[in-house]
Amino acid sequence: MNILITGTSKGIGRELLKVSLNSLKYRKVFACTSTSVPKEFENHPKLVSIMLNYMDDNPFRDLEKQIQNEKIDVLINNSGYLFQEEMRHSKMSQVRKMFEVNFFGPFQLVQKVIPNLEKCEGQIINLGSMGGFQGSSKYAGLSGYSASKAALANLSECLAVELTSSKISVNCLALGAVRTEMLKKAFPDYSADVSPQAMAKYIMEFVSFGGKLVNGQVIPVSNSTP
């Protein structure tokens, strides 16, 4: 099996990369990042490092070369960008970047990878947010971020229908707060209970078991009630 993960330089993505590289299940691990993979993994024999920056003019140049004729059993859209600012003061450049990284980028990536997923009836896991989950608690300063993640969640439901004939499953895991650098930067005084390691373990367990039984669902993954 092969797996493709975006946003692998730090946080949850780094931990997903670590688990995948250490797993006997995967033959190749395609690690997409806008910077570089962690140095500890650079020379791993299963690693295929791909430069992918959704803000570039042609972000998929390297990806198309690396995955040509490859099968991809699992795609995890993990890349994310968060900028905390109340809507009345929001800079549209930041709002557009959140939608580019959190929604339009994954949308286009799925378009590119569908032929690779069709080779093995693969699965897509989109990592959303509880902020974009209908009925959950909402917080000031996260309007743009939450809206971009809500769009990703809805896209997941629609894709599950569109890709039924290809037998590709699509689910969205709406994650609660995780102790990542991104969260710390946006909320310096807040410390989440859940570690990136714990969340990565949950996600990979879902890939192994839930993805075979569930399709077209937006699933909250949080240790608190909405």
Protein backbone atom coordinates (compact mmCIF):
# COMPACT_ATOMS: atom_id res chain seq x y z
CA MET A 1 0.00 0.00 0.00
CA ASN A 2 0.98 3.63 -0.60
CA ILE A 3 -0.09 6.70 1.36
CA LEU A 4 0.07 10.42 0.54
CA ILE A 5 0.01 12.97 3.37
CA THR A 6 0.10 16.76 3.09
CA GLY A 7 1.56 19.18 5.60
CA THR A 8 4.20 16.81 6.95
CA SER A 9 6.78 19.28 8.27
CA LYS A 10 5.32 19.63 11.78
CA GLY A 11 2.37 19.04 14.09
CA ILE A 12 -0.12 16.31 13.25
CA GLY A 13 1.33 15.87 9.77
CA ARG A 14 4.79 15.13 11.14
CA GLU A 15 3.34 12.48 13.46
CA LEU A 16 1.28 10.95 10.66
CA LEU A 17 4.46 10.73 8.62
CA LYS A 18 6.31 9.05 11.48
CA VAL A 19 3.59 6.45 12.03
CA SER A 20 3.35 5.71 8.30
CA LEU A 21 7.09 5.29 7.84
CA ASN A 22 7.26 2.93 10.81
CA SER A 23 4.30 0.87 9.63
CA LEU A 24 4.87 -2.38 7.74
CA LYS A 25 1.66 -1.68 5.87
CA TYR A 26 2.98 1.03 3.56
CA ARG A 27 5.49 0.49 0.75
CA LYS A 28 5.79 4.16 -0.17
CA VAL A 29 4.96 7.26 1.86
CA PHE A 30 4.49 10.40 -0.24
CA ALA A 31 5.14 13.34 2.09
CA CYS A 32 3.97 16.72 0.81
CA THR A 33 5.29 19.88 2.43
CA SER A 34 5.72 23.55 1.57
CA THR A 35 9.08 23.61 3.38
CA SER A 36 10.92 20.35 4.05
CA VAL A 37 10.34 17.04 5.77
CA PRO A 38 11.87 16.66 9.25
CA LYS A 39 15.57 15.83 8.99
CA GLU A 40 15.19 12.62 10.97
CA PHE A 41 13.15 11.14 8.10
CA GLU A 42 15.08 12.52 5.10
CA ASN A 43 16.90 9.30 4.25
CA HIS A 44 14.13 6.83 5.03
CA PRO A 45 13.89 4.27 2.20
CA LYS A 46 10.09 4.49 1.99
CA LEU A 47 9.94 8.28 1.90
CA VAL A 48 9.09 10.18 -1.27
CA SER A 49 9.36 13.88 -0.46
CA ILE A 50 7.19 16.21 -2.55
CA MET A 51 7.35 20.01 -2.55
CA LEU A 52 3.76 21.27 -2.43
CA ASN A 53 2.92 24.89 -1.65
CA TYR A 54 -0.67 25.81 -2.45
CA MET A 55 0.31 29.49 -2.67
CA ASP A 56 2.67 28.87 -5.61
CA ASP A 57 1.62 29.62 -9.20
CA ASN A 58 2.06 25.95 -10.15
CA PRO A 59 1.89 24.01 -6.86
CA PHE A 60 1.48 20.54 -8.37
CA ARG A 61 4.56 20.48 -10.61
CA ASP A 62 6.59 18.18 -8.34
CA LEU A 63 3.59 16.10 -7.31
CA GLU A 64 2.66 15.18 -10.87
CA LYS A 65 6.19 13.92 -11.54
CA GLN A 66 6.41 11.88 -8.33
CA ILE A 67 3.05 10.10 -8.44
CA GLN A 68 2.87 9.39 -12.16
CA ASN A 69 1.68 5.81 -12.69
CA GLU A 70 1.69 5.19 -8.92
CA LYS A 71 -1.25 3.82 -7.01
CA ILE A 72 -2.32 5.68 -3.88
CA ASP A 73 -4.34 3.74 -1.36
CA VAL A 74 -4.77 6.59 1.13
CA LEU A 75 -4.79 10.37 0.76
CA ILE A 76 -4.79 12.44 3.95
CA ASN A 77 -5.44 16.14 3.41
CA ASN A 78 -3.78 17.46 6.54
CA SER A 79 -2.34 20.82 5.42
CA GLY A 80 -3.89 23.73 7.24
CA TYR A 81 -3.47 27.44 7.83
CA LEU A 82 -4.97 29.41 10.72
CA PHE A 83 -4.98 33.17 11.19
CA GLN A 84 -6.94 34.47 14.15
CA GLU A 85 -8.65 37.82 13.62
CA GLU A 86 -12.17 39.11 14.16
CA MET A 87 -14.14 39.49 10.96
CA ARG A 88 -14.58 43.25 11.21
CA HIS A 89 -10.79 43.63 11.09
CA SER A 90 -10.01 40.71 8.79
CA LYS A 91 -7.38 41.15 6.11
CA MET A 92 -8.70 39.56 2.94
CA SER A 93 -5.21 38.36 2.07
CA GLN A 94 -5.29 36.17 5.19
CA VAL A 95 -8.84 34.96 4.54
CA ARG A 96 -7.94 34.03 0.97
CA LYS A 97 -4.83 32.18 2.16
CA MET A 98 -6.92 30.15 4.62
CA PHE A 99 -9.33 29.15 1.85
CA GLU A 100 -6.44 28.44 -0.53
CA VAL A 101 -4.68 26.11 1.91
CA ASN A 102 -7.71 24.65 3.70
CA PHE A 103 -10.14 24.23 0.79
CA PHE A 104 -9.03 25.09 -2.76
CA GLY A 105 -5.69 23.30 -2.38
CA PRO A 106 -7.23 20.01 -1.19
CA PHE A 107 -9.95 20.36 -3.86
CA GLN A 108 -7.34 20.53 -6.62
CA LEU A 109 -5.18 17.84 -5.05
CA VAL A 110 -8.07 15.39 -5.08
CA GLN A 111 -8.60 16.20 -8.78
CA LYS A 112 -4.97 15.29 -9.45
CA VAL A 113 -4.96 12.11 -7.37
CA ILE A 114 -8.30 10.51 -8.34
CA PRO A 115 -6.68 8.38 -11.11
CA ASN A 116 -4.12 7.07 -8.59
CA LEU A 117 -6.83 6.28 -6.04
CA GLU A 118 -8.96 4.51 -8.66
CA LYS A 119 -6.18 1.98 -9.21
CA CYS A 120 -6.83 0.49 -5.76
CA GLU A 121 -10.28 1.72 -4.65
CA GLY A 122 -8.55 4.00 -2.16
CA GLN A 123 -9.77 6.37 0.49
CA ILE A 124 -9.58 10.09 1.17
CA ILE A 125 -9.42 11.50 4.68
CA ASN A 126 -9.92 15.25 4.92
CA LEU A 127 -8.90 16.77 8.24
CA GLY A 128 -11.46 19.39 9.14
CA SER A 129 -12.14 21.23 12.38
CA MET A 130 -14.78 21.32 15.06
CA GLY A 131 -14.97 25.03 14.20
CA GLY A 132 -16.46 24.00 10.86
CA PHE A 133 -18.78 21.37 12.34
CA GLN A 134 -22.44 22.41 12.38
CA GLY A 135 -23.77 23.03 15.89
CA SER A 136 -20.37 23.17 17.58
CA SER A 137 -19.20 26.03 19.79
CA LYS A 138 -17.83 28.96 17.80
CA TYR A 139 -15.10 31.40 18.81
CA ALA A 140 -14.38 35.02 17.96
CA GLY A 141 -11.54 35.47 15.51
CA LEU A 142 -12.04 32.15 13.74
CA SER A 143 -14.74 33.08 11.21
CA GLY A 144 -12.52 32.71 8.14
CA TYR A 145 -10.80 29.55 9.38
CA SER A 146 -14.03 27.87 10.47
CA ALA A 147 -15.75 28.74 7.19
CA SER A 148 -12.89 27.22 5.18
CA LYS A 149 -13.06 24.02 7.21
CA ALA A 150 -16.86 23.90 6.88
CA ALA A 151 -16.37 24.06 3.11
CA LEU A 152 -13.94 21.13 3.30
CA ALA A 153 -16.45 19.12 5.33
CA ASN A 154 -19.23 19.73 2.81
CA LEU A 155 -16.88 18.89 -0.05
CA SER A 156 -16.16 15.55 1.63
CA GLU A 157 -19.86 14.66 1.66
CA CYS A 158 -20.26 15.63 -2.00
CA LEU A 159 -17.13 13.77 -3.12
CA ALA A 160 -18.30 10.58 -1.43
CA VAL A 161 -21.30 10.63 -3.76
CA GLU A 162 -19.35 11.59 -6.89
CA LEU A 163 -16.71 8.91 -6.35
CA THR A 164 -19.09 6.05 -5.55
CA SER A 165 -18.64 4.49 -8.98
CA SER A 166 -14.86 4.47 -8.44
CA LYS A 167 -15.31 2.84 -5.03
CA ILE A 168 -13.24 5.58 -3.39
CA SER A 169 -14.41 6.41 0.13
CA VAL A 170 -14.27 9.97 1.45
CA ASN A 171 -14.63 11.09 5.06
CA CYS A 172 -13.87 14.23 7.03
CA LEU A 173 -12.54 14.10 10.58
CA ALA A 174 -13.52 17.33 12.34
CA LEU A 175 -10.69 17.68 14.84
CA GLY A 176 -10.95 19.46 18.15
CA ALA A 177 -8.07 21.43 19.65
CA VAL A 178 -4.67 19.75 19.34
CA ARG A 179 -1.42 20.92 20.93
CA THR A 180 0.28 22.10 17.72
CA GLU A 181 2.50 25.02 16.79
CA MET A 182 -0.32 26.44 14.66
CA LEU A 183 -2.74 26.53 17.60
CA LYS A 184 -0.08 27.97 19.93
CA LYS A 185 0.66 30.78 17.48
CA ALA A 186 -3.02 31.71 17.20
CA PHE A 187 -3.80 31.28 20.90
CA PRO A 188 -0.57 31.69 22.94
CA ASP A 189 -2.34 31.42 26.31
CA TYR A 190 -4.26 28.23 25.51
CA SER A 191 -2.93 24.68 25.87
CA ALA A 192 -4.94 21.83 24.33
CA ASP A 193 -5.26 18.50 26.14
CA VAL A 194 -4.68 16.38 23.03
CA SER A 195 -1.15 15.87 21.69
CA PRO A 196 -0.29 15.60 17.96
CA GLN A 197 0.94 12.06 18.63
CA ALA A 198 -2.39 10.96 20.11
CA MET A 199 -4.38 12.53 17.29
CA ALA A 200 -2.15 11.00 14.62
CA LYS A 201 -2.62 7.57 16.19
CA TYR A 202 -6.40 8.01 16.12
CA ILE A 203 -6.36 9.13 12.48
CA MET A 204 -4.27 6.17 11.38
CA GLU A 205 -6.54 3.77 13.26
CA PHE A 206 -9.50 5.31 11.45
CA VAL A 207 -7.70 4.81 8.14
CA SER A 208 -7.17 1.13 8.96
CA PHE A 209 -10.66 0.35 10.23
CA GLY A 210 -13.21 3.18 9.97
CA GLY A 211 -12.43 4.02 6.38
CA LYS A 212 -13.54 0.55 5.32
CA LEU A 213 -16.91 0.83 7.06
CA VAL A 214 -17.78 4.54 6.81
CA ASN A 215 -18.26 6.80 3.80
CA GLY A 216 -19.41 10.37 3.25
CA GLN A 217 -19.37 11.29 6.93
CA VAL A 218 -18.17 14.33 8.86
CA ILE A 219 -17.04 12.89 12.18
CA PRO A 220 -16.27 15.04 15.23
CA VAL A 221 -13.02 14.04 16.97
CA SER A 222 -13.00 16.01 20.20
CA ASN A 223 -12.79 15.29 23.93
CA SER A 224 -15.38 17.98 24.70
CA THR A 225 -19.01 18.39 23.74
CA PRO A 226 -19.97 20.95 21.06
